Every structure is written in C-alpha cells, then in structure tokens.
Amino acid sequence: MPLAEHSVDLAFANFWLHRSSDLGESLDGLRRIVRPGGLILLTLPGLDLFRELIERGAQIEPDHRVEAQRLGDALIRAGFQEPVLDTDWLTVRHNSVAELVADLEASGFRCRLPDALERAPGRDGRPGDDLAITWEIVYASAWAPEEGQPIRSAEGETASISLANLTIRRR
C-alpha cells in the first residue's frame, strides 16, 4: 500500500481484500499504515457467497472467500487486537441471467456460467427468470495496538517502546 507507516486513524476496506492473493500480507499492510489505537473496518465475501451458482458449475473470479473464524485468526496474527466479526446472508433475486451477470460485474466479480444455466428456463419460460443468489458478507473490526503493546508475528510477540518514554532514576 502506498501510504506512510502509521498515517491513518481509520482504514475501511469494503469488498477489497478478497482481491488479494494473500490475505495475511494485506492485513500486515493495513497494520503498517494504521496508527496505534487506530481502527480497521472490513467487509469480505463469505464461504456461501454465490453458492447456488458455484453448485451449478459457475466459475466466479476472484474466488477468495473467507470463513469468519479464519479472518479473526488472521487479524490476530497480523497484530490487531479485539477483533469483532459478524456475518450476514442476503438473497438477491434476478429476472434474467443477463441481469445477474451485470450485477456480478458491477460488484467487481467475473462469472463464467455453464451453458445449461444460461439456457435454464425460469418461471414464465424465459431463460434465467427468477434466479436467486446468496451473498454471504463477513464484517470485521479490529484495533491497532497502542504503542508498547505486544504484536504477534511468526517469530513470536514483539513489543516496542520509545526511548523518550523511558525515565531514568538517579540516586
């Protein structure tokens, strides 16, 4: 991320991190730019996102869906504190395959549908009529640790304290 270290108080990533091939690396980048005590707010696609299409053989890209518990673990590994996660399932109905594909593309997804799905007759005989898809959305918030608080890494926990904050006692 082309931002300076500890340069933002709030980072909001709405359906952005799933485009990264390495979630941990992206969270490390967020951790680097958020000031101590700063907040991150995230929304990511959950495992059930577009499950009806995937079960019928559709290929959705990017396909980096996340499980809420694993996202919480990844936030802790990246050094964030007090992660809070929630999940919503929304059902969106489309009147045609073209409308469904347009909706997916407007949301930043690419979709290759199997021929059988593109030709599937709907309620009134039109192809793709009344298609319903599930959007599982995982919400997360977490805090960057205050200065001096330990940060977990692959090597263990590390705490850093500014020398200016140390006092010297003289006898």
Foldseek 3Di string as FASTA:
>chain_A
DPAAFQADQEAEEEQNLLQDPDNLVVLLVVLRHHHAFGKYKYKHFAPQFQVVQVVQPKDKPPPRHDHQVVVVVSNQQSFWPDKDKDKDKDKDWDQAPVRVQVVQVVVPMHMDGDPCQNQPADDVGHRHGTDIGITMMMIMMTGHHHQQDWGHYPVGTDHDDDPVPDDDDDD
